Amino acid sequence: EDAVKTEKKEAARQGLVDIAKATDFGDT
């Protein structure tokens, strides 16, 4: 949301998808 520039919205969304798929968050 707010801290992400308009032109970066789609990149942020896809970035979160990529990070979530690649990361084992354990108990976090």
PDB file of all heavy atoms in Angstrom:
ATOM      1  N   GLU A   1       0.795  -1.233   0.000  1.00  0.00           N
ATOM      2  CA  GLU A   1       0.000   0.000   0.000  1.00  0.00           C
ATOM      3  C   GLU A   1       0.823   1.277   0.000  1.00  0.00           C
ATOM      4  O   GLU A   1       1.656   1.500  -0.869  1.00  0.00           O
ATOM      5  CB  GLU A   1      -0.992  -0.021   1.173  1.00  0.00           C
ATOM      6  CG  GLU A   1      -2.174   0.915   0.953  1.00  0.00           C
ATOM      7  CD  GLU A   1      -2.601   1.649   2.226  1.00  0.00           C
ATOM      8  OE1 GLU A   1      -1.963   1.483   3.276  1.00  0.00           O
ATOM      9  OE2 GLU A   1      -3.589   2.394   2.157  1.00  0.00           O
ATOM     10  N   ASP A   2       0.639   2.136   1.015  1.00  0.00           N
ATOM     11  CA  ASP A   2       1.085   3.526   0.972  1.00  0.00           C
ATOM     12  C   ASP A   2       2.558   3.718   0.632  1.00  0.00           C
ATOM     13  O   ASP A   2       2.918   4.631  -0.103  1.00  0.00           O
ATOM     14  CB  ASP A   2       0.803   4.208   2.314  1.00  0.00           C
ATOM     15  CG  ASP A   2      -0.656   4.608   2.456  1.00  0.00           C
ATOM     16  OD1 ASP A   2      -1.393   4.446   1.466  1.00  0.00           O
ATOM     17  OD2 ASP A   2      -1.046   5.068   3.532  1.00  0.00           O
ATOM     18  N   ALA A   3       3.444   2.926   1.198  1.00  0.00           N
ATOM     19  CA  ALA A   3       4.874   3.147   1.016  1.00  0.00           C
ATOM     20  C   ALA A   3       5.381   2.683  -0.348  1.00  0.00           C
ATOM     21  O   ALA A   3       6.563   2.854  -0.657  1.00  0.00           O
ATOM     22  CB  ALA A   3       5.653   2.445   2.125  1.00  0.00           C
ATOM     23  N   VAL A   4       4.513   2.099  -1.169  1.00  0.00           N
ATOM     24  CA  VAL A   4       4.904   1.601  -2.492  1.00  0.00           C
ATOM     25  C   VAL A   4       4.419   2.582  -3.561  1.00  0.00           C
ATOM     26  O   VAL A   4       3.228   2.898  -3.629  1.00  0.00           O
ATOM     27  CB  VAL A   4       4.306   0.198  -2.742  1.00  0.00           C
ATOM     28  CG1 VAL A   4       4.684  -0.308  -4.129  1.00  0.00           C
ATOM     29  CG2 VAL A   4       4.758  -0.776  -1.664  1.00  0.00           C
ATOM     30  N   LYS A   5       5.335   3.056  -4.402  1.00  0.00           N
ATOM     31  CA  LYS A   5       4.973   4.000  -5.451  1.00  0.00           C
ATOM     32  C   LYS A   5       4.011   3.361  -6.451  1.00  0.00           C
ATOM     33  O   LYS A   5       4.013   2.149  -6.656  1.00  0.00           O
ATOM     34  CB  LYS A   5       6.223   4.479  -6.173  1.00  0.00           C
ATOM     35  CG  LYS A   5       7.140   5.347  -5.316  1.00  0.00           C
ATOM     36  CD  LYS A   5       8.318   5.856  -6.135  1.00  0.00           C
ATOM     37  CE  LYS A   5       9.199   6.780  -5.305  1.00  0.00           C
ATOM     38  NZ  LYS A   5      10.350   7.314  -6.086  1.00  0.00           N
ATOM     39  N   THR A   6       3.202   4.210  -7.081  1.00  0.00           N
ATOM     40  CA  THR A   6       2.189   3.736  -8.015  1.00  0.00           C
ATOM     41  C   THR A   6       2.775   2.829  -9.091  1.00  0.00           C
ATOM     42  O   THR A   6       2.227   1.764  -9.395  1.00  0.00           O
ATOM     43  CB  THR A   6       1.477   4.934  -8.676  1.00  0.00           C
ATOM     44  OG1 THR A   6       0.855   5.727  -7.658  1.00  0.00           O
ATOM     45  CG2 THR A   6       0.427   4.467  -9.668  1.00  0.00           C
ATOM     46  N   GLU A   7       3.904   3.241  -9.648  1.00  0.00           N
ATOM     47  CA  GLU A   7       4.494   2.460 -10.732  1.00  0.00           C
ATOM     48  C   GLU A   7       5.119   1.147 -10.261  1.00  0.00           C
ATOM     49  O   GLU A   7       5.505   0.303 -11.061  1.00  0.00           O
ATOM     50  CB  GLU A   7       5.545   3.283 -11.478  1.00  0.00           C
ATOM     51  CG  GLU A   7       6.751   3.708 -10.655  1.00  0.00           C
ATOM     52  CD  GLU A   7       6.561   5.048  -9.966  1.00  0.00           C
ATOM     53  OE1 GLU A   7       5.401   5.475  -9.802  1.00  0.00           O
ATOM     54  OE2 GLU A   7       7.589   5.661  -9.610  1.00  0.00           O
ATOM     55  N   LYS A   8       5.189   0.955  -8.929  1.00  0.00           N
ATOM     56  CA  LYS A   8       5.787  -0.262  -8.380  1.00  0.00           C
ATOM     57  C   LYS A   8       4.732  -1.223  -7.797  1.00  0.00           C
ATOM     58  O   LYS A   8       5.087  -2.261  -7.241  1.00  0.00           O
ATOM     59  CB  LYS A   8       6.771   0.111  -7.258  1.00  0.00           C
ATOM     60  CG  LYS A   8       8.002   0.877  -7.707  1.00  0.00           C
ATOM     61  CD  LYS A   8       8.996  -0.058  -8.364  1.00  0.00           C
ATOM     62  CE  LYS A   8      10.330   0.615  -8.616  1.00  0.00           C
ATOM     63  NZ  LYS A   8      11.105   0.798  -7.389  1.00  0.00           N
ATOM     64  N   LYS A   9       3.460  -0.882  -7.917  1.00  0.00           N
ATOM     65  CA  LYS A   9       2.414  -1.696  -7.291  1.00  0.00           C
ATOM     66  C   LYS A   9       2.430  -3.140  -7.790  1.00  0.00           C
ATOM     67  O   LYS A   9       2.368  -4.088  -6.998  1.00  0.00           O
ATOM     68  CB  LYS A   9       1.034  -1.074  -7.543  1.00  0.00           C
ATOM     69  CG  LYS A   9       0.806   0.275  -6.875  1.00  0.00           C
ATOM     70  CD  LYS A   9       0.709   0.135  -5.372  1.00  0.00           C
ATOM     71  CE  LYS A   9       0.318   1.456  -4.737  1.00  0.00           C
ATOM     72  NZ  LYS A   9       0.253   1.367  -3.258  1.00  0.00           N
ATOM     73  N   GLU A  10       2.483  -3.314  -9.100  1.00  0.00           N
ATOM     74  CA  GLU A  10       2.450  -4.667  -9.639  1.00  0.00           C
ATOM     75  C   GLU A  10       3.726  -5.421  -9.304  1.00  0.00           C
ATOM     76  O   GLU A  10       3.697  -6.635  -9.023  1.00  0.00           O
ATOM     77  CB  GLU A  10       2.216  -4.622 -11.149  1.00  0.00           C
ATOM     78  CG  GLU A  10       0.830  -4.101 -11.517  1.00  0.00           C
ATOM     79  CD  GLU A  10       0.559  -4.157 -13.012  1.00  0.00           C
ATOM     80  OE1 GLU A  10       1.415  -4.706 -13.749  1.00  0.00           O
ATOM     81  OE2 GLU A  10      -0.497  -3.667 -13.439  1.00  0.00           O
ATOM     82  N   ALA A  11       4.849  -4.717  -9.304  1.00  0.00           N
ATOM     83  CA  ALA A  11       6.125  -5.357  -8.952  1.00  0.00           C
ATOM     84  C   ALA A  11       6.119  -5.799  -7.497  1.00  0.00           C
ATOM     85  O   ALA A  11       6.651  -6.866  -7.160  1.00  0.00           O
ATOM     86  CB  ALA A  11       7.284  -4.394  -9.221  1.00  0.00           C
ATOM     87  N   ALA A  12       5.528  -5.006  -6.626  1.00  0.00           N
ATOM     88  CA  ALA A  12       5.451  -5.365  -5.206  1.00  0.00           C
ATOM     89  C   ALA A  12       4.589  -6.604  -5.022  1.00  0.00           C
ATOM     90  O   ALA A  12       4.935  -7.517  -4.263  1.00  0.00           O
ATOM     91  CB  ALA A  12       4.889  -4.204  -4.398  1.00  0.00           C
ATOM     92  N   ARG A  13       3.467  -6.653  -5.718  1.00  0.00           N
ATOM     93  CA  ARG A  13       2.574  -7.805  -5.610  1.00  0.00           C
ATOM     94  C   ARG A  13       3.276  -9.079  -6.068  1.00  0.00           C
ATOM     95  O   ARG A  13       3.266 -10.101  -5.373  1.00  0.00           O
ATOM     96  CB  ARG A  13       1.320  -7.561  -6.444  1.00  0.00           C
ATOM     97  CG  ARG A  13       0.284  -8.670  -6.342  1.00  0.00           C
ATOM     98  CD  ARG A  13      -0.801  -8.481  -7.399  1.00  0.00           C
ATOM     99  NE  ARG A  13      -1.421  -7.178  -7.307  1.00  0.00           N
ATOM    100  CZ  ARG A  13      -1.678  -6.395  -8.356  1.00  0.00           C
ATOM    101  NH1 ARG A  13      -1.338  -6.785  -9.587  1.00  0.00           N
ATOM    102  NH2 ARG A  13      -2.254  -5.222  -8.187  1.00  0.00           N
ATOM    103  N   GLN A  14       3.913  -9.015  -7.235  1.00  0.00           N
ATOM    104  CA  GLN A  14       4.615 -10.188  -7.739  1.00  0.00           C
ATOM    105  C   GLN A  14       5.825 -10.524  -6.881  1.00  0.00           C
ATOM    106  O   GLN A  14       6.138 -11.713  -6.661  1.00  0.00           O
ATOM    107  CB  GLN A  14       5.056  -9.966  -9.191  1.00  0.00           C
ATOM    108  CG  GLN A  14       5.649 -11.209  -9.846  1.00  0.00           C
ATOM    109  CD  GLN A  14       4.688 -12.385  -9.851  1.00  0.00           C
ATOM    110  OE1 GLN A  14       3.515 -12.247 -10.207  1.00  0.00           O
ATOM    111  NE2 GLN A  14       5.174 -13.574  -9.450  1.00  0.00           N
ATOM    112  N   GLY A  15       6.480  -9.495  -6.356  1.00  0.00           N
ATOM    113  CA  GLY A  15       7.613  -9.727  -5.475  1.00  0.00           C
ATOM    114  C   GLY A  15       7.219 -10.497  -4.231  1.00  0.00           C
ATOM    115  O   GLY A  15       7.942 -11.398  -3.793  1.00  0.00           O
ATOM    116  N   LEU A  16       6.059 -10.165  -3.670  1.00  0.00           N
ATOM    117  CA  LEU A  16       5.588 -10.883  -2.477  1.00  0.00           C
ATOM    118  C   LEU A  16       5.273 -12.337  -2.820  1.00  0.00           C
ATOM    119  O   LEU A  16       5.580 -13.250  -2.035  1.00  0.00           O
ATOM    120  CB  LEU A  16       4.353 -10.191  -1.900  1.00  0.00           C
ATOM    121  CG  LEU A  16       3.748 -10.839  -0.656  1.00  0.00           C
ATOM    122  CD1 LEU A  16       4.785 -10.967   0.463  1.00  0.00           C
ATOM    123  CD2 LEU A  16       2.539 -10.051  -0.167  1.00  0.00           C
ATOM    124  N   VAL A  17       4.676 -12.580  -3.968  1.00  0.00           N
ATOM    125  CA  VAL A  17       4.394 -13.955  -4.400  1.00  0.00           C
ATOM    126  C   VAL A  17       5.692 -14.750  -4.501  1.00  0.00           C
ATOM    127  O   VAL A  17       5.798 -15.876  -3.988  1.00  0.00           O
ATOM    128  CB  VAL A  17       3.651 -13.959  -5.751  1.00  0.00           C
ATOM    129  CG1 VAL A  17       3.580 -15.373  -6.334  1.00  0.00           C
ATOM    130  CG2 VAL A  17       2.248 -13.391  -5.591  1.00  0.00           C
ATOM    131  N   ASP A  18       6.704 -14.157  -5.149  1.00  0.00           N
ATOM    132  CA  ASP A  18       7.975 -14.853  -5.336  1.00  0.00           C
ATOM    133  C   ASP A  18       8.655 -15.142  -3.999  1.00  0.00           C
ATOM    134  O   ASP A  18       9.194 -16.232  -3.783  1.00  0.00           O
ATOM    135  CB  ASP A  18       8.900 -14.019  -6.228  1.00  0.00           C
ATOM    136  CG  ASP A  18       8.357 -13.866  -7.644  1.00  0.00           C
ATOM    137  OD1 ASP A  18       7.490 -14.675  -8.045  1.00  0.00           O
ATOM    138  OD2 ASP A  18       8.783 -12.923  -8.342  1.00  0.00           O
ATOM    139  N   ILE A  19       8.644 -14.157  -3.096  1.00  0.00           N
ATOM    140  CA  ILE A  19       9.287 -14.321  -1.789  1.00  0.00           C
ATOM    141  C   ILE A  19       8.582 -15.403  -0.972  1.00  0.00           C
ATOM    142  O   ILE A  19       9.213 -16.259  -0.356  1.00  0.00           O
ATOM    143  CB  ILE A  19       9.284 -12.982  -1.021  1.00  0.00           C
ATOM    144  CG1 ILE A  19      10.234 -12.001  -1.682  1.00  0.00           C
ATOM    145  CG2 ILE A  19       9.666 -13.190   0.445  1.00  0.00           C
ATOM    146  CD1 ILE A  19      10.064 -10.567  -1.196  1.00  0.00           C
ATOM    147  N   ALA A  20       7.256 -15.370  -0.981  1.00  0.00           N
ATOM    148  CA  ALA A  20       6.494 -16.344  -0.201  1.00  0.00           C
ATOM    149  C   ALA A  20       6.753 -17.768  -0.692  1.00  0.00           C
ATOM    150  O   ALA A  20       6.902 -18.698   0.101  1.00  0.00           O
ATOM    151  CB  ALA A  20       5.003 -16.021  -0.266  1.00  0.00           C
ATOM    152  N   LYS A  21       6.825 -17.947  -2.012  1.00  0.00           N
ATOM    153  CA  LYS A  21       7.052 -19.279  -2.562  1.00  0.00           C
ATOM    154  C   LYS A  21       8.454 -19.791  -2.256  1.00  0.00           C
ATOM    155  O   LYS A  21       8.653 -21.001  -2.098  1.00  0.00           O
ATOM    156  CB  LYS A  21       6.822 -19.258  -4.078  1.00  0.00           C
ATOM    157  CG  LYS A  21       5.355 -19.118  -4.475  1.00  0.00           C
ATOM    158  CD  LYS A  21       5.194 -19.136  -5.983  1.00  0.00           C
ATOM    159  CE  LYS A  21       3.714 -19.109  -6.384  1.00  0.00           C
ATOM    160  NZ  LYS A  21       3.540 -19.130  -7.859  1.00  0.00           N
ATOM    161  N   ALA A  22       9.421 -18.869  -2.154  1.00  0.00           N
ATOM    162  CA  ALA A  22      10.817 -19.276  -2.005  1.00  0.00           C
ATOM    163  C   ALA A  22      11.282 -19.356  -0.560  1.00  0.00           C
ATOM    164  O   ALA A  22      12.398 -19.822  -0.309  1.00  0.00           O
ATOM    165  CB  ALA A  22      11.708 -18.297  -2.775  1.00  0.00           C
ATOM    166  N   THR A  23      10.467 -18.909   0.389  1.00  0.00           N
ATOM    167  CA  THR A  23      10.925 -18.765   1.777  1.00  0.00           C
ATOM    168  C   THR A  23      10.186 -19.694   2.716  1.00  0.00           C
ATOM    169  O   THR A  23       8.960 -19.816   2.649  1.00  0.00           O
ATOM    170  CB  THR A  23      10.732 -17.304   2.249  1.00  0.00           C
ATOM    171  OG1 THR A  23      11.379 -16.416   1.333  1.00  0.00           O
ATOM    172  CG2 THR A  23      11.315 -17.103   3.644  1.00  0.00           C
ATOM    173  N   ASP A  24      10.953 -20.320   3.598  1.00  0.00           N
ATOM    174  CA  ASP A  24      10.366 -21.084   4.706  1.00  0.00           C
ATOM    175  C   ASP A  24      10.318 -20.155   5.916  1.00  0.00           C
ATOM    176  O   ASP A  24      11.350 -19.818   6.479  1.00  0.00           O
ATOM    177  CB  ASP A  24      11.220 -22.315   5.001  1.00  0.00           C
ATOM    178  CG  ASP A  24      10.653 -23.151   6.158  1.00  0.00           C
ATOM    179  OD1 ASP A  24       9.600 -22.775   6.703  1.00  0.00           O
ATOM    180  OD2 ASP A  24      11.287 -24.161   6.514  1.00  0.00           O
ATOM    181  N   PHE A  25       9.127 -19.739   6.304  1.00  0.00           N
ATOM    182  CA  PHE A  25       8.984 -18.767   7.377  1.00  0.00           C
ATOM    183  C   PHE A  25       8.972 -19.410   8.766  1.00  0.00           C
ATOM    184  O   PHE A  25       8.970 -18.697   9.775  1.00  0.00           O
ATOM    185  CB  PHE A  25       7.711 -17.941   7.171  1.00  0.00           C
ATOM    186  CG  PHE A  25       7.772 -17.049   5.962  1.00  0.00           C
ATOM    187  CD1 PHE A  25       7.231 -17.466   4.763  1.00  0.00           C
ATOM    188  CD2 PHE A  25       8.395 -15.819   6.020  1.00  0.00           C
ATOM    189  CE1 PHE A  25       7.293 -16.657   3.636  1.00  0.00           C
ATOM    190  CE2 PHE A  25       8.466 -14.999   4.906  1.00  0.00           C
ATOM    191  CZ  PHE A  25       7.923 -15.422   3.707  1.00  0.00           C
ATOM    192  N   GLY A  26       8.962 -20.717   8.836  1.00  0.00           N
ATOM    193  CA  GLY A  26       8.974 -21.384  10.133  1.00  0.00           C
ATOM    194  C   GLY A  26       7.784 -20.989  10.980  1.00  0.00           C
ATOM    195  O   GLY A  26       6.637 -21.033  10.524  1.00  0.00           O
ATOM    196  N   ASP A  27       8.064 -20.561  12.229  1.00  0.00           N
ATOM    197  CA  ASP A  27       6.992 -20.146  13.141  1.00  0.00           C
ATOM    198  C   ASP A  27       6.574 -18.696  12.944  1.00  0.00           C
ATOM    199  O   ASP A  27       5.643 -18.224  13.601  1.00  0.00           O
ATOM    200  CB  ASP A  27       7.444 -20.332  14.595  1.00  0.00           C
ATOM    201  CG  ASP A  27       7.610 -21.804  14.948  1.00  0.00           C
ATOM    202  OD1 ASP A  27       6.922 -22.639  14.338  1.00  0.00           O
ATOM    203  OD2 ASP A  27       8.423 -22.111  15.832  1.00  0.00           O
ATOM    204  N   THR A  28       7.271 -17.973  12.079  1.00  0.00           N
ATOM    205  CA  THR A  28       6.954 -16.561  11.847  1.00  0.00           C
ATOM    206  C   THR A  28       5.720 -16.435  10.961  1.00  0.00           C
ATOM    207  O   THR A  28       5.610 -17.113   9.935  1.00  0.00           O
ATOM    208  CB  THR A  28       8.141 -15.839  11.190  1.00  0.00           C
ATOM    209  OG1 THR A  28       9.263 -15.884  12.076  1.00  0.00           O
ATOM    210  CG2 THR A  28       7.803 -14.381  10.891  1.00  0.00           C
TER     211      THR A  28
END
